[in-house]
Amino acid sequence: MGREYTLQEAVSLAIKTEKDSMDFYRRAASVAKNARAKKVLDLLANEEVGHLKAFFDHYKGSEFGDLASYINSPVDTKNPTYMKLEKAISEDMLEQKALELALVEEKECIGQYTQLAQGVVDPAVKAVFERVVKETQGHYALIESEYAHIMGMVHESDQDTFVRE
């Protein structure tokens, strides 16, 4: 059985998760060689900032300080996903590995936020979690599409050309 969170614990966890995701996408974009992948990673980083703002609006604690300071605070370099990204950068497999890591992380966020939304009573906060779940599902689809492109797979826009029923 999963752990039950208070409203503030759930929002705090979401804030930390979104900051880690933003840092991940910013770092990946900063070293991406493929212009299209860089654009996708920048877009995702900016969307994570939007999620952070949405959660910050409902957070009553002070551990993060103000939003602008938190956004610009140092990266959690001990975050396992960030560490894997740094390894991929050093092995010169950035775009492929970054997108693979992003797919795993986005899928985990969908599950985590879906579970947190079910336990939140406050309708405004519940709506934020539900909206972020939908947006994260969109992130997953975007990353999946870019991964297919990077890997030279048939892109969904080309499926009619290559796939006949």
C-alpha atoms as a PDB file:
ATOM      1  CA  MET A   1       0.000   0.000   0.000  1.00  0.00           C
ATOM      2  CA  GLY A   2       1.340   3.440  -0.912  1.00  0.00           C
ATOM      3  CA  ARG A   3       2.257   6.147   1.537  1.00  0.00           C
ATOM      4  CA  GLU A   4      -0.390   8.745   2.256  1.00  0.00           C
ATOM      5  CA  TYR A   5       0.730  12.357   1.949  1.00  0.00           C
ATOM      6  CA  THR A   6      -0.621  15.515   3.499  1.00  0.00           C
ATOM      7  CA  LEU A   7      -1.553  18.202   1.012  1.00  0.00           C
ATOM      8  CA  GLN A   8       1.635  20.160   1.742  1.00  0.00           C
ATOM      9  CA  GLU A   9       3.798  17.031   1.505  1.00  0.00           C
ATOM     10  CA  ALA A  10       2.280  16.221  -1.883  1.00  0.00           C
ATOM     11  CA  VAL A  11       2.817  19.752  -3.187  1.00  0.00           C
ATOM     12  CA  SER A  12       6.355  19.840  -1.758  1.00  0.00           C
ATOM     13  CA  LEU A  13       7.190  16.540  -3.456  1.00  0.00           C
ATOM     14  CA  ALA A  14       5.772  17.846  -6.739  1.00  0.00           C
ATOM     15  CA  ILE A  15       7.825  21.043  -6.479  1.00  0.00           C
ATOM     16  CA  LYS A  16      11.039  19.065  -5.950  1.00  0.00           C
ATOM     17  CA  THR A  17      10.153  16.713  -8.817  1.00  0.00           C
ATOM     18  CA  GLU A  18       9.429  19.577 -11.215  1.00  0.00           C
ATOM     19  CA  LYS A  19      12.665  21.382 -10.279  1.00  0.00           C
ATOM     20  CA  ASP A  20      14.660  18.201 -10.903  1.00  0.00           C
ATOM     21  CA  SER A  21      12.921  17.747 -14.262  1.00  0.00           C
ATOM     22  CA  MET A  22      13.547  21.370 -15.238  1.00  0.00           C
ATOM     23  CA  ASP A  23      17.236  21.058 -14.334  1.00  0.00           C
ATOM     24  CA  PHE A  24      17.490  17.806 -16.292  1.00  0.00           C
ATOM     25  CA  TYR A  25      15.971  19.319 -19.449  1.00  0.00           C
ATOM     26  CA  ARG A  26      18.012  22.523 -19.156  1.00  0.00           C
ATOM     27  CA  ARG A  27      21.258  20.565 -18.836  1.00  0.00           C
ATOM     28  CA  ALA A  28      20.387  18.218 -21.690  1.00  0.00           C
ATOM     29  CA  ALA A  29      19.421  21.161 -23.922  1.00  0.00           C
ATOM     30  CA  SER A  30      22.612  23.013 -23.060  1.00  0.00           C
ATOM     31  CA  VAL A  31      24.780  20.263 -24.541  1.00  0.00           C
ATOM     32  CA  ALA A  32      22.488  18.853 -27.242  1.00  0.00           C
ATOM     33  CA  LYS A  33      24.079  18.814 -30.678  1.00  0.00           C
ATOM     34  CA  ASN A  34      20.892  18.059 -32.609  1.00  0.00           C
ATOM     35  CA  ALA A  35      19.013  21.348 -33.105  1.00  0.00           C
ATOM     36  CA  ARG A  36      15.592  19.713 -33.135  1.00  0.00           C
ATOM     37  CA  ALA A  37      16.307  17.747 -29.933  1.00  0.00           C
ATOM     38  CA  LYS A  38      17.641  20.937 -28.313  1.00  0.00           C
ATOM     39  CA  LYS A  39      14.416  22.745 -29.172  1.00  0.00           C
ATOM     40  CA  VAL A  40      12.307  19.927 -27.680  1.00  0.00           C
ATOM     41  CA  LEU A  41      14.419  19.832 -24.506  1.00  0.00           C
ATOM     42  CA  ASP A  42      14.197  23.636 -24.108  1.00  0.00           C
ATOM     43  CA  LEU A  43      10.430  23.464 -24.554  1.00  0.00           C
ATOM     44  CA  LEU A  44      10.153  20.761 -21.903  1.00  0.00           C
ATOM     45  CA  ALA A  45      12.321  22.752 -19.459  1.00  0.00           C
ATOM     46  CA  ASN A  46      10.058  25.780 -19.898  1.00  0.00           C
ATOM     47  CA  GLU A  47       6.943  23.694 -19.348  1.00  0.00           C
ATOM     48  CA  GLU A  48       8.439  22.337 -16.119  1.00  0.00           C
ATOM     49  CA  VAL A  49       8.819  25.954 -14.963  1.00  0.00           C
ATOM     50  CA  GLY A  50       5.080  26.373 -15.557  1.00  0.00           C
ATOM     51  CA  HIS A  51       4.371  23.294 -13.454  1.00  0.00           C
ATOM     52  CA  LEU A  52       6.614  24.629 -10.701  1.00  0.00           C
ATOM     53  CA  LYS A  53       4.685  27.903 -10.668  1.00  0.00           C
ATOM     54  CA  ALA A  54       1.368  26.070 -10.469  1.00  0.00           C
ATOM     55  CA  PHE A  55       2.491  24.013  -7.475  1.00  0.00           C
ATOM     56  CA  PHE A  56       4.153  27.000  -5.799  1.00  0.00           C
ATOM     57  CA  ASP A  57       0.788  28.801  -5.851  1.00  0.00           C
ATOM     58  CA  HIS A  58      -0.540  26.159  -3.436  1.00  0.00           C
ATOM     59  CA  TYR A  59       2.522  25.653  -1.264  1.00  0.00           C
ATOM     60  CA  LYS A  60       2.344  27.114   2.239  1.00  0.00           C
ATOM     61  CA  GLY A  61       5.841  26.191   3.449  1.00  0.00           C
ATOM     62  CA  SER A  62       9.067  28.143   3.295  1.00  0.00           C
ATOM     63  CA  GLU A  63      11.710  25.475   2.651  1.00  0.00           C
ATOM     64  CA  PHE A  64      12.084  26.466  -1.013  1.00  0.00           C
ATOM     65  CA  GLY A  65      12.152  30.240  -0.553  1.00  0.00           C
ATOM     66  CA  ASP A  66      10.557  32.283  -3.312  1.00  0.00           C
ATOM     67  CA  LEU A  67       9.876  30.843  -6.754  1.00  0.00           C
ATOM     68  CA  ALA A  68      12.532  32.810  -8.666  1.00  0.00           C
ATOM     69  CA  SER A  69      15.263  31.912  -6.176  1.00  0.00           C
ATOM     70  CA  TYR A  70      14.249  28.268  -6.207  1.00  0.00           C
ATOM     71  CA  ILE A  71      14.205  28.080 -10.001  1.00  0.00           C
ATOM     72  CA  ASN A  72      17.747  29.490 -10.043  1.00  0.00           C
ATOM     73  CA  SER A  73      19.006  27.424  -7.110  1.00  0.00           C
ATOM     74  CA  PRO A  74      21.798  24.896  -7.696  1.00  0.00           C
ATOM     75  CA  VAL A  75      21.036  21.614  -9.421  1.00  0.00           C
ATOM     76  CA  ASP A  76      20.658  18.508  -7.269  1.00  0.00           C
ATOM     77  CA  THR A  77      23.622  16.713  -8.798  1.00  0.00           C
ATOM     78  CA  LYS A  78      22.910  13.681  -6.580  1.00  0.00           C
ATOM     79  CA  ASN A  79      19.562  13.109  -8.295  1.00  0.00           C
ATOM     80  CA  PRO A  80      19.906   9.648  -9.908  1.00  0.00           C
ATOM     81  CA  THR A  81      18.427  10.718 -13.243  1.00  0.00           C
ATOM     82  CA  TYR A  82      20.681  13.766 -13.425  1.00  0.00           C
ATOM     83  CA  MET A  83      23.697  11.567 -12.660  1.00  0.00           C
ATOM     84  CA  LYS A  84      22.705   9.227 -15.511  1.00  0.00           C
ATOM     85  CA  LEU A  85      22.420  12.232 -17.815  1.00  0.00           C
ATOM     86  CA  GLU A  86      25.931  13.379 -16.902  1.00  0.00           C
ATOM     87  CA  LYS A  87      27.208   9.864 -17.656  1.00  0.00           C
ATOM     88  CA  ALA A  88      25.462   9.919 -21.052  1.00  0.00           C
ATOM     89  CA  ILE A  89      27.060  13.292 -21.811  1.00  0.00           C
ATOM     90  CA  SER A  90      30.510  11.926 -21.005  1.00  0.00           C
ATOM     91  CA  GLU A  91      29.874   8.922 -23.274  1.00  0.00           C
ATOM     92  CA  ASP A  92      28.700  11.195 -26.105  1.00  0.00           C
ATOM     93  CA  MET A  93      25.258   9.562 -26.294  1.00  0.00           C
ATOM     94  CA  LEU A  94      23.376  12.594 -25.120  1.00  0.00           C
ATOM     95  CA  GLU A  95      20.270  12.909 -27.273  1.00  0.00           C
ATOM     96  CA  GLN A  96      19.405   9.217 -27.333  1.00  0.00           C
ATOM     97  CA  LYS A  97      20.108   8.595 -23.649  1.00  0.00           C
ATOM     98  CA  ALA A  98      18.554  11.878 -22.492  1.00  0.00           C
ATOM     99  CA  LEU A  99      15.331  11.037 -24.300  1.00  0.00           C
ATOM    100  CA  GLU A 100      15.341   7.483 -22.917  1.00  0.00           C
ATOM    101  CA  LEU A 101      15.809   8.837 -19.385  1.00  0.00           C
ATOM    102  CA  ALA A 102      13.124  11.443 -19.978  1.00  0.00           C
ATOM    103  CA  LEU A 103      10.629   8.777 -21.072  1.00  0.00           C
ATOM    104  CA  VAL A 104      11.206   6.836 -17.850  1.00  0.00           C
ATOM    105  CA  GLU A 105      10.963   9.966 -15.695  1.00  0.00           C
ATOM    106  CA  GLU A 106       7.813  11.288 -17.366  1.00  0.00           C
ATOM    107  CA  LYS A 107       6.117   7.901 -17.013  1.00  0.00           C
ATOM    108  CA  GLU A 108       7.014   7.825 -13.305  1.00  0.00           C
ATOM    109  CA  CYS A 109       5.663  11.360 -12.880  1.00  0.00           C
ATOM    110  CA  ILE A 110       2.386  10.371 -14.508  1.00  0.00           C
ATOM    111  CA  GLY A 111       1.994   7.510 -12.038  1.00  0.00           C
ATOM    112  CA  GLN A 112       3.099   9.551  -9.038  1.00  0.00           C
ATOM    113  CA  TYR A 113       0.892  12.557  -9.822  1.00  0.00           C
ATOM    114  CA  THR A 114      -2.099  10.355 -10.638  1.00  0.00           C
ATOM    115  CA  GLN A 115      -1.750   8.706  -7.244  1.00  0.00           C
ATOM    116  CA  LEU A 116      -1.242  12.034  -5.451  1.00  0.00           C
ATOM    117  CA  ALA A 117      -4.272  13.558  -7.211  1.00  0.00           C
ATOM    118  CA  GLN A 118      -6.455  10.728  -5.950  1.00  0.00           C
ATOM    119  CA  GLY A 119      -5.498  11.519  -2.357  1.00  0.00           C
ATOM    120  CA  VAL A 120      -5.870  15.307  -2.536  1.00  0.00           C
ATOM    121  CA  VAL A 121      -9.104  16.701  -1.132  1.00  0.00           C
ATOM    122  CA  ASP A 122      -8.596  20.381  -2.010  1.00  0.00           C
ATOM    123  CA  PRO A 123     -10.290  20.747  -5.436  1.00  0.00           C
ATOM    124  CA  ALA A 124      -7.933  23.501  -6.636  1.00  0.00           C
ATOM    125  CA  VAL A 125      -4.814  21.465  -5.847  1.00  0.00           C
ATOM    126  CA  LYS A 126      -6.418  18.297  -7.220  1.00  0.00           C
ATOM    127  CA  ALA A 127      -7.063  20.193 -10.463  1.00  0.00           C
ATOM    128  CA  VAL A 128      -3.389  21.244 -10.614  1.00  0.00           C
ATOM    129  CA  PHE A 129      -2.248  17.626 -10.242  1.00  0.00           C
ATOM    130  CA  GLU A 130      -4.754  16.453 -12.856  1.00  0.00           C
ATOM    131  CA  ARG A 131      -3.695  19.188 -15.296  1.00  0.00           C
ATOM    132  CA  VAL A 132      -0.023  18.361 -14.789  1.00  0.00           C
ATOM    133  CA  VAL A 133      -0.790  14.658 -15.412  1.00  0.00           C
ATOM    134  CA  LYS A 134      -2.351  15.566 -18.776  1.00  0.00           C
ATOM    135  CA  GLU A 135       0.541  17.861 -19.669  1.00  0.00           C
ATOM    136  CA  THR A 136       3.046  15.204 -18.628  1.00  0.00           C
ATOM    137  CA  GLN A 137       1.273  12.695 -20.874  1.00  0.00           C
ATOM    138  CA  GLY A 138       1.782  15.229 -23.652  1.00  0.00           C
ATOM    139  CA  HIS A 139       5.464  15.480 -22.721  1.00  0.00           C
ATOM    140  CA  TYR A 140       5.743  11.712 -22.937  1.00  0.00           C
ATOM    141  CA  ALA A 141       4.211  11.681 -26.429  1.00  0.00           C
ATOM    142  CA  LEU A 142       6.508  14.524 -27.567  1.00  0.00           C
ATOM    143  CA  ILE A 143       9.610  12.787 -26.202  1.00  0.00           C
ATOM    144  CA  GLU A 144       8.541   9.480 -27.744  1.00  0.00           C
ATOM    145  CA  SER A 145       8.131  11.183 -31.112  1.00  0.00           C
ATOM    146  CA  GLU A 146      11.511  12.910 -30.876  1.00  0.00           C
ATOM    147  CA  TYR A 147      13.145   9.643 -29.800  1.00  0.00           C
ATOM    148  CA  ALA A 148      11.721   7.920 -32.886  1.00  0.00           C
ATOM    149  CA  HIS A 149      13.095  10.744 -35.032  1.00  0.00           C
ATOM    150  CA  ILE A 150      16.575  10.624 -33.432  1.00  0.00           C
ATOM    151  CA  MET A 151      16.698   6.842 -33.800  1.00  0.00           C
ATOM    152  CA  GLY A 152      15.649   6.992 -37.459  1.00  0.00           C
ATOM    153  CA  MET A 153      12.375   5.188 -36.818  1.00  0.00           C
ATOM    154  CA  VAL A 154       9.261   5.825 -38.845  1.00  0.00           C
ATOM    155  CA  HIS A 155       7.792   9.065 -37.547  1.00  0.00           C
ATOM    156  CA  GLU A 156       4.023   9.117 -36.962  1.00  0.00           C
ATOM    157  CA  SER A 157       3.660  11.786 -39.660  1.00  0.00           C
ATOM    158  CA  ASP A 158       5.167   9.329 -42.151  1.00  0.00           C
ATOM    159  CA  GLN A 159       3.183   6.267 -41.114  1.00  0.00           C
ATOM    160  CA  ASP A 160       0.673   6.542 -43.938  1.00  0.00           C
ATOM    161  CA  THR A 161       3.553   6.389 -46.387  1.00  0.00           C
ATOM    162  CA  PHE A 162       5.225   3.351 -44.824  1.00  0.00           C
ATOM    163  CA  VAL A 163       2.393   1.450 -43.210  1.00  0.00           C
ATOM    164  CA  ARG A 164      -0.428   0.075 -45.338  1.00  0.00           C
ATOM    165  CA  GLU A 165      -3.239  -1.984 -43.904  1.00  0.00           C
END
